[in-house]
Amino acid sequence: MASKTLCVLGDANAGKKTLTWHLVFTCGASLPEIAPIEKSRICDYRGIATLYRQKGRPVSFYGPSAQYTITDIPGIADIALWAVDASADDYGARSSQSLASLLSSGKLRVEEQLIIVATKMDLANWSETVFAQVAHSFTKIKLAHFK
């Protein structure tokens, strides 16, 4: 099975930690962590976060095609998730500028996929209009360097 890096980034308070731990909880922790998780009767993503921190292990999970190791430091990543707070007053405009700056400076290089994740949609009352405005904020980013 392949091993890939998954970089989770975004502006402050965009929900990166919640997104990360929910992903690990939903997709499944890496095999060495399953027994302690079961033994501890952990039933939510906060419990898994605590377990990983106590053990000092890298955060990882298994997906259908690879084992993913999660990082929150910009650099070279196979896949990057960019968390944007959908409840922000500017509908992600500042966040899209931050992402554009990281990409154009070369501080973030994504090899396979860049995924924009609208977080905190519950605070925006799950509005399709808000979602569309957030998505539109990111359409102007130059992605010419992607393969």
N, C-alpha and C. Protein backbone atom coordinates (compact mmCIF):
# COMPACT_ATOMS: atom_id res chain seq x y z
N MET A 1 0.84 -1.18 0.00
CA MET A 1 0.00 0.00 0.00
C MET A 1 0.89 1.24 0.00
N ALA A 2 0.52 2.20 -0.78
CA ALA A 2 1.28 3.44 -0.90
C ALA A 2 1.17 4.29 0.36
N SER A 3 2.14 5.15 0.56
CA SER A 3 2.13 6.08 1.68
C SER A 3 2.11 7.49 1.09
N LYS A 4 1.20 8.33 1.58
CA LYS A 4 1.08 9.68 1.05
C LYS A 4 1.00 10.68 2.18
N THR A 5 1.40 11.92 1.87
CA THR A 5 1.28 12.99 2.84
C THR A 5 0.03 13.81 2.53
N LEU A 6 -0.66 14.17 3.59
CA LEU A 6 -1.87 14.98 3.51
C LEU A 6 -1.64 16.19 4.39
N CYS A 7 -1.59 17.35 3.78
CA CYS A 7 -1.34 18.58 4.50
C CYS A 7 -2.68 19.29 4.73
N VAL A 8 -2.98 19.59 6.00
CA VAL A 8 -4.21 20.29 6.35
C VAL A 8 -3.84 21.70 6.79
N LEU A 9 -4.26 22.67 5.99
CA LEU A 9 -3.91 24.06 6.22
C LEU A 9 -5.15 24.94 6.15
N GLY A 10 -4.99 26.19 6.47
CA GLY A 10 -6.07 27.17 6.42
C GLY A 10 -5.76 28.29 7.39
N ASP A 11 -6.60 29.29 7.41
CA ASP A 11 -6.39 30.41 8.32
C ASP A 11 -6.70 30.01 9.76
N ALA A 12 -6.30 30.85 10.70
CA ALA A 12 -6.56 30.60 12.12
C ALA A 12 -8.06 30.44 12.36
N ASN A 13 -8.39 29.50 13.18
CA ASN A 13 -9.79 29.23 13.58
C ASN A 13 -10.69 28.79 12.42
N ALA A 14 -10.10 28.21 11.39
CA ALA A 14 -10.90 27.74 10.25
C ALA A 14 -11.44 26.33 10.46
N GLY A 15 -11.02 25.67 11.54
CA GLY A 15 -11.52 24.32 11.81
C GLY A 15 -10.58 23.22 11.36
N LYS A 16 -9.29 23.52 11.27
CA LYS A 16 -8.32 22.53 10.80
C LYS A 16 -8.21 21.33 11.73
N LYS A 17 -8.15 21.56 13.03
CA LYS A 17 -8.04 20.45 13.98
C LYS A 17 -9.29 19.58 13.95
N THR A 18 -10.44 20.21 13.96
CA THR A 18 -11.69 19.45 13.90
C THR A 18 -11.75 18.62 12.63
N LEU A 19 -11.38 19.22 11.51
CA LEU A 19 -11.36 18.52 10.23
C LEU A 19 -10.40 17.34 10.27
N THR A 20 -9.20 17.56 10.79
CA THR A 20 -8.19 16.50 10.85
C THR A 20 -8.67 15.33 11.69
N TRP A 21 -9.10 15.60 12.90
CA TRP A 21 -9.48 14.51 13.79
C TRP A 21 -10.76 13.83 13.35
N HIS A 22 -11.66 14.56 12.75
CA HIS A 22 -12.86 13.93 12.21
C HIS A 22 -12.48 12.97 11.07
N LEU A 23 -11.55 13.39 10.25
CA LEU A 23 -11.07 12.56 9.14
C LEU A 23 -10.44 11.27 9.66
N VAL A 24 -9.59 11.39 10.67
CA VAL A 24 -8.94 10.22 11.25
C VAL A 24 -9.99 9.29 11.87
N PHE A 25 -10.93 9.87 12.60
CA PHE A 25 -11.97 9.06 13.26
C PHE A 25 -12.86 8.37 12.24
N THR A 26 -13.25 9.10 11.19
CA THR A 26 -14.15 8.55 10.18
C THR A 26 -13.46 7.50 9.30
N CYS A 27 -12.25 7.79 8.87
CA CYS A 27 -11.56 6.89 7.94
C CYS A 27 -10.85 5.74 8.64
N GLY A 28 -10.52 5.90 9.88
CA GLY A 28 -9.85 4.84 10.61
C GLY A 28 -8.41 5.17 10.90
N ALA A 29 -8.04 4.95 12.14
CA ALA A 29 -6.67 5.20 12.56
C ALA A 29 -5.76 4.16 11.94
N SER A 30 -4.46 4.43 11.98
CA SER A 30 -3.50 3.46 11.46
C SER A 30 -3.51 2.21 12.34
N LEU A 31 -3.10 1.10 11.77
CA LEU A 31 -3.22 -0.19 12.45
C LEU A 31 -2.60 -0.25 13.85
N PRO A 32 -1.42 0.30 14.11
CA PRO A 32 -0.86 0.22 15.46
C PRO A 32 -1.72 0.91 16.52
N GLU A 33 -2.62 1.80 16.11
CA GLU A 33 -3.44 2.53 17.06
C GLU A 33 -4.80 1.89 17.32
N ILE A 34 -5.19 0.91 16.54
CA ILE A 34 -6.54 0.36 16.68
C ILE A 34 -6.75 -0.29 18.03
N ALA A 35 -5.83 -1.11 18.49
CA ALA A 35 -6.00 -1.80 19.78
C ALA A 35 -6.14 -0.82 20.94
N PRO A 36 -5.24 0.19 21.06
CA PRO A 36 -5.42 1.15 22.16
C PRO A 36 -6.73 1.93 22.07
N ILE A 37 -7.17 2.22 20.85
CA ILE A 37 -8.43 2.94 20.68
C ILE A 37 -9.58 2.07 21.18
N GLU A 38 -9.58 0.81 20.78
CA GLU A 38 -10.64 -0.11 21.22
C GLU A 38 -10.57 -0.32 22.73
N LYS A 39 -9.37 -0.50 23.26
CA LYS A 39 -9.19 -0.73 24.69
C LYS A 39 -9.67 0.47 25.51
N SER A 40 -9.43 1.67 25.00
CA SER A 40 -9.82 2.89 25.70
C SER A 40 -11.29 3.24 25.48
N ARG A 41 -11.95 2.50 24.61
CA ARG A 41 -13.37 2.74 24.28
C ARG A 41 -13.61 4.17 23.77
N ILE A 42 -12.66 4.61 22.95
CA ILE A 42 -12.78 5.95 22.37
C ILE A 42 -13.89 5.93 21.33
N CYS A 43 -14.75 6.93 21.41
CA CYS A 43 -15.89 6.95 20.48
C CYS A 43 -16.06 8.28 19.76
N ASP A 44 -15.07 9.16 19.86
CA ASP A 44 -15.16 10.40 19.09
C ASP A 44 -13.77 10.88 18.71
N TYR A 45 -13.72 11.88 17.86
CA TYR A 45 -12.43 12.32 17.34
C TYR A 45 -11.58 13.01 18.39
N ARG A 46 -12.18 13.62 19.40
CA ARG A 46 -11.39 14.26 20.45
C ARG A 46 -10.58 13.22 21.24
N GLY A 47 -11.16 12.06 21.46
CA GLY A 47 -10.46 10.99 22.16
C GLY A 47 -9.28 10.48 21.37
N ILE A 48 -9.44 10.37 20.06
CA ILE A 48 -8.33 9.92 19.21
C ILE A 48 -7.21 10.96 19.22
N ALA A 49 -7.57 12.24 19.18
CA ALA A 49 -6.56 13.30 19.23
C ALA A 49 -5.74 13.20 20.51
N THR A 50 -6.40 12.98 21.62
CA THR A 50 -5.71 12.85 22.90
C THR A 50 -4.77 11.65 22.89
N LEU A 51 -5.22 10.52 22.37
CA LEU A 51 -4.40 9.32 22.31
C LEU A 51 -3.14 9.54 21.47
N TYR A 52 -3.28 10.13 20.31
CA TYR A 52 -2.11 10.40 19.45
C TYR A 52 -1.13 11.33 20.16
N ARG A 53 -1.64 12.38 20.80
CA ARG A 53 -0.75 13.33 21.47
C ARG A 53 0.00 12.66 22.61
N GLN A 54 -0.69 11.82 23.38
CA GLN A 54 -0.04 11.14 24.51
C GLN A 54 1.08 10.22 24.03
N LYS A 55 0.88 9.57 22.91
CA LYS A 55 1.87 8.63 22.38
C LYS A 55 2.97 9.32 21.59
N GLY A 56 2.77 10.59 21.22
CA GLY A 56 3.76 11.31 20.43
C GLY A 56 3.94 10.74 19.03
N ARG A 57 2.89 10.16 18.48
CA ARG A 57 2.96 9.53 17.16
C ARG A 57 2.46 10.48 16.08
N PRO A 58 2.95 10.28 14.86
CA PRO A 58 2.41 11.08 13.76
C PRO A 58 0.95 10.69 13.52
N VAL A 59 0.17 11.66 13.13
CA VAL A 59 -1.24 11.42 12.86
C VAL A 59 -1.35 10.78 11.48
N SER A 60 -1.98 9.61 11.44
CA SER A 60 -2.13 8.93 10.15
C SER A 60 -3.38 8.08 10.16
N PHE A 61 -3.83 7.74 8.96
CA PHE A 61 -4.98 6.85 8.81
C PHE A 61 -4.86 6.12 7.49
N TYR A 62 -5.63 5.06 7.36
CA TYR A 62 -5.64 4.28 6.13
C TYR A 62 -6.85 4.65 5.29
N GLY A 63 -6.62 4.85 4.00
CA GLY A 63 -7.68 5.07 3.04
C GLY A 63 -7.71 3.90 2.09
N PRO A 64 -8.61 3.90 1.13
CA PRO A 64 -8.72 2.78 0.20
C PRO A 64 -7.45 2.52 -0.61
N SER A 65 -6.70 3.57 -0.91
CA SER A 65 -5.54 3.38 -1.79
C SER A 65 -4.19 3.67 -1.15
N ALA A 66 -4.19 4.17 0.09
CA ALA A 66 -2.91 4.54 0.69
C ALA A 66 -3.04 4.74 2.20
N GLN A 67 -1.90 4.80 2.85
CA GLN A 67 -1.84 5.26 4.22
C GLN A 67 -1.47 6.74 4.15
N TYR A 68 -2.22 7.57 4.84
CA TYR A 68 -2.01 9.01 4.80
C TYR A 68 -1.42 9.48 6.12
N THR A 69 -0.34 10.23 6.04
CA THR A 69 0.24 10.87 7.21
C THR A 69 -0.08 12.35 7.11
N ILE A 70 -0.67 12.88 8.17
CA ILE A 70 -1.15 14.26 8.15
C ILE A 70 -0.12 15.19 8.75
N THR A 71 0.06 16.31 8.07
CA THR A 71 0.95 17.37 8.56
C THR A 71 0.19 18.69 8.49
N ASP A 72 0.62 19.64 9.30
CA ASP A 72 0.02 20.97 9.25
C ASP A 72 1.08 22.03 8.95
N ILE A 73 2.17 21.58 8.35
CA ILE A 73 3.26 22.48 8.00
C ILE A 73 3.34 22.58 6.48
N PRO A 74 3.28 23.80 5.92
CA PRO A 74 3.38 23.94 4.46
C PRO A 74 4.68 23.34 3.95
N GLY A 75 4.64 22.83 2.77
CA GLY A 75 5.80 22.23 2.13
C GLY A 75 5.32 21.47 0.92
N ILE A 76 5.95 20.34 0.66
CA ILE A 76 5.53 19.49 -0.45
C ILE A 76 4.59 18.44 0.11
N ALA A 77 3.42 18.33 -0.48
CA ALA A 77 2.43 17.36 -0.04
C ALA A 77 1.83 16.67 -1.24
N ASP A 78 1.47 15.41 -1.06
CA ASP A 78 0.76 14.72 -2.13
C ASP A 78 -0.63 15.33 -2.30
N ILE A 79 -1.30 15.54 -1.17
CA ILE A 79 -2.65 16.09 -1.17
C ILE A 79 -2.71 17.18 -0.11
N ALA A 80 -3.41 18.26 -0.41
CA ALA A 80 -3.58 19.33 0.58
C ALA A 80 -5.06 19.65 0.73
N LEU A 81 -5.48 19.80 1.97
CA LEU A 81 -6.82 20.29 2.29
C LEU A 81 -6.65 21.72 2.80
N TRP A 82 -7.38 22.64 2.23
CA TRP A 82 -7.37 24.02 2.70
C TRP A 82 -8.72 24.29 3.34
N ALA A 83 -8.71 24.48 4.67
CA ALA A 83 -9.95 24.75 5.42
C ALA A 83 -10.25 26.24 5.38
N VAL A 84 -11.47 26.55 5.01
CA VAL A 84 -11.91 27.95 4.97
C VAL A 84 -13.21 28.05 5.78
N ASP A 85 -13.24 29.02 6.67
CA ASP A 85 -14.39 29.24 7.54
C ASP A 85 -15.52 29.87 6.73
N ALA A 86 -16.56 29.08 6.48
CA ALA A 86 -17.68 29.57 5.67
C ALA A 86 -18.50 30.63 6.39
N SER A 87 -18.35 30.72 7.71
CA SER A 87 -19.11 31.71 8.47
C SER A 87 -18.42 33.08 8.53
N ALA A 88 -17.23 33.18 7.95
CA ALA A 88 -16.50 34.46 7.95
C ALA A 88 -17.24 35.50 7.12
N ASP A 89 -17.13 36.73 7.53
CA ASP A 89 -17.84 37.83 6.87
C ASP A 89 -17.43 38.04 5.42
N ASP A 90 -16.20 37.67 5.07
CA ASP A 90 -15.70 37.94 3.72
C ASP A 90 -15.88 36.74 2.78
N TYR A 91 -16.58 35.71 3.22
CA TYR A 91 -16.84 34.52 2.40
C TYR A 91 -15.57 33.88 1.84
N GLY A 92 -14.51 33.92 2.62
CA GLY A 92 -13.28 33.25 2.21
C GLY A 92 -12.33 34.06 1.36
N ALA A 93 -12.61 35.34 1.15
CA ALA A 93 -11.75 36.16 0.29
C ALA A 93 -10.33 36.26 0.85
N ARG A 94 -10.20 36.56 2.15
CA ARG A 94 -8.85 36.65 2.76
C ARG A 94 -8.17 35.28 2.75
N SER A 95 -8.95 34.25 3.00
CA SER A 95 -8.39 32.90 3.01
C SER A 95 -7.86 32.51 1.64
N SER A 96 -8.58 32.86 0.59
CA SER A 96 -8.12 32.54 -0.76
C SER A 96 -6.83 33.30 -1.09
N GLN A 97 -6.70 34.53 -0.58
CA GLN A 97 -5.47 35.29 -0.78
C GLN A 97 -4.29 34.63 -0.06
N SER A 98 -4.55 34.10 1.15
CA SER A 98 -3.49 33.40 1.90
C SER A 98 -3.02 32.17 1.14
N LEU A 99 -3.97 31.42 0.63
CA LEU A 99 -3.63 30.22 -0.14
C LEU A 99 -2.86 30.60 -1.41
N ALA A 100 -3.34 31.60 -2.10
CA ALA A 100 -2.67 32.04 -3.34
C ALA A 100 -1.23 32.45 -3.05
N SER A 101 -1.02 33.12 -1.92
CA SER A 101 0.32 33.55 -1.55
C SER A 101 1.24 32.35 -1.28
N LEU A 102 0.74 31.36 -0.56
CA LEU A 102 1.54 30.15 -0.30
C LEU A 102 1.90 29.43 -1.59
N LEU A 103 0.95 29.33 -2.50
CA LEU A 103 1.19 28.63 -3.76
C LEU A 103 2.16 29.39 -4.66
N SER A 104 1.95 30.69 -4.79
CA SER A 104 2.80 31.46 -5.70
C SER A 104 4.23 31.60 -5.17
N SER A 105 4.40 31.59 -3.86
CA SER A 105 5.74 31.71 -3.28
C SER A 105 6.49 30.37 -3.31
N GLY A 106 5.78 29.30 -3.57
CA GLY A 106 6.41 27.98 -3.57
C GLY A 106 6.51 27.35 -2.19
N LYS A 107 5.98 28.01 -1.17
CA LYS A 107 6.01 27.45 0.19
C LYS A 107 5.10 26.24 0.33
N LEU A 108 4.10 26.15 -0.55
CA LEU A 108 3.23 24.99 -0.60
C LEU A 108 3.24 24.45 -2.01
N ARG A 109 3.65 23.19 -2.15
CA ARG A 109 3.62 22.51 -3.45
C ARG A 109 2.78 21.26 -3.28
N VAL A 110 1.74 21.18 -4.08
CA VAL A 110 0.82 20.05 -4.00
C VAL A 110 1.03 19.19 -5.24
N GLU A 111 1.36 17.93 -5.02
CA GLU A 111 1.69 17.03 -6.12
C GLU A 111 0.46 16.47 -6.83
N GLU A 112 -0.61 16.16 -6.09
CA GLU A 112 -1.76 15.48 -6.70
C GLU A 112 -3.06 16.29 -6.66
N GLN A 113 -3.51 16.62 -5.45
CA GLN A 113 -4.80 17.30 -5.34
C GLN A 113 -4.77 18.38 -4.29
N LEU A 114 -5.42 19.49 -4.59
CA LEU A 114 -5.68 20.55 -3.64
C LEU A 114 -7.19 20.61 -3.47
N ILE A 115 -7.65 20.43 -2.25
CA ILE A 115 -9.09 20.39 -1.98
C ILE A 115 -9.43 21.53 -1.03
N ILE A 116 -10.37 22.36 -1.43
CA ILE A 116 -10.85 23.45 -0.59
C ILE A 116 -12.04 22.90 0.19
N VAL A 117 -11.97 23.03 1.54
CA VAL A 117 -13.03 22.49 2.40
C VAL A 117 -13.72 23.66 3.10
N ALA A 118 -15.00 23.84 2.84
CA ALA A 118 -15.78 24.87 3.52
C ALA A 118 -16.20 24.30 4.88
N THR A 119 -15.60 24.84 5.93
CA THR A 119 -15.92 24.39 7.28
C THR A 119 -16.92 25.35 7.92
N LYS A 120 -17.47 24.93 9.02
CA LYS A 120 -18.40 25.73 9.82
C LYS A 120 -19.65 26.13 9.03
N MET A 121 -20.06 25.27 8.11
CA MET A 121 -21.28 25.54 7.34
C MET A 121 -22.51 25.58 8.25
N ASP A 122 -22.46 24.91 9.38
CA ASP A 122 -23.58 24.96 10.32
C ASP A 122 -23.80 26.39 10.83
N LEU A 123 -22.71 27.14 11.00
CA LEU A 123 -22.82 28.53 11.45
C LEU A 123 -23.36 29.45 10.35
N ALA A 124 -23.30 28.97 9.11
CA ALA A 124 -23.86 29.72 7.98
C ALA A 124 -25.23 29.15 7.60
N ASN A 125 -25.82 28.40 8.51
CA ASN A 125 -27.14 27.79 8.30
C ASN A 125 -27.21 26.93 7.04
N TRP A 126 -26.08 26.29 6.70
CA TRP A 126 -25.99 25.39 5.54
C TRP A 126 -26.45 26.06 4.26
N SER A 127 -26.22 27.36 4.16
CA SER A 127 -26.68 28.16 3.03
C SER A 127 -25.92 27.81 1.75
N GLU A 128 -26.67 27.46 0.70
CA GLU A 128 -26.05 27.20 -0.60
C GLU A 128 -25.45 28.47 -1.18
N THR A 129 -26.06 29.60 -0.89
CA THR A 129 -25.54 30.88 -1.37
C THR A 129 -24.18 31.16 -0.75
N VAL A 130 -24.06 30.94 0.55
CA VAL A 130 -22.77 31.14 1.22
C VAL A 130 -21.73 30.20 0.64
N PHE A 131 -22.10 28.94 0.46
CA PHE A 131 -21.17 27.96 -0.11
C PHE A 131 -20.69 28.41 -1.49
N ALA A 132 -21.63 28.89 -2.31
CA ALA A 132 -21.27 29.34 -3.67
C ALA A 132 -20.34 30.56 -3.60
N GLN A 133 -20.58 31.47 -2.65
CA GLN A 133 -19.72 32.65 -2.52
C GLN A 133 -18.32 32.25 -2.07
N VAL A 134 -18.23 31.29 -1.14
CA VAL A 134 -16.91 30.80 -0.71
C VAL A 134 -16.20 30.15 -1.89
N ALA A 135 -16.90 29.30 -2.62
CA ALA A 135 -16.29 28.64 -3.78
C ALA A 135 -15.81 29.67 -4.80
N HIS A 136 -16.60 30.69 -5.02
CA HIS A 136 -16.23 31.73 -5.99
C HIS A 136 -14.96 32.47 -5.56
N SER A 137 -14.77 32.64 -4.26
CA SER A 137 -13.57 33.32 -3.75
C SER A 137 -12.29 32.61 -4.17
N PHE A 138 -12.38 31.31 -4.40
CA PHE A 138 -11.19 30.53 -4.73
C PHE A 138 -11.02 30.29 -6.23
N THR A 139 -11.96 30.74 -7.04
CA THR A 139 -11.86 30.50 -8.48
C THR A 139 -10.79 31.36 -9.15
N LYS A 140 -10.36 32.41 -8.49
CA LYS A 140 -9.39 33.34 -9.10
C LYS A 140 -7.95 32.92 -8.86
N ILE A 141 -7.72 31.90 -8.04
CA ILE A 141 -6.35 31.48 -7.74
C ILE A 141 -5.73 30.85 -8.98
N LYS A 142 -4.52 31.24 -9.26
CA LYS A 142 -3.79 30.69 -10.40
C LYS A 142 -3.22 29.33 -10.02
N LEU A 143 -3.67 28.30 -10.69
CA LEU A 143 -3.23 26.95 -10.39
C LEU A 143 -2.43 26.36 -11.55
N ALA A 144 -1.76 27.21 -12.28
CA ALA A 144 -1.04 26.79 -13.48
C ALA A 144 0.06 25.77 -13.20
N HIS A 145 0.61 25.78 -11.99
CA HIS A 145 1.73 24.88 -11.70
C HIS A 145 1.28 23.45 -11.43
N PHE A 146 -0.03 23.21 -11.34
CA PHE A 146 -0.50 21.85 -11.14
C PHE A 146 -0.35 21.06 -12.42
N LYS A 147 -0.04 19.77 -12.26
CA LYS A 147 0.16 18.90 -13.42
C LYS A 147 -1.15 18.63 -14.13
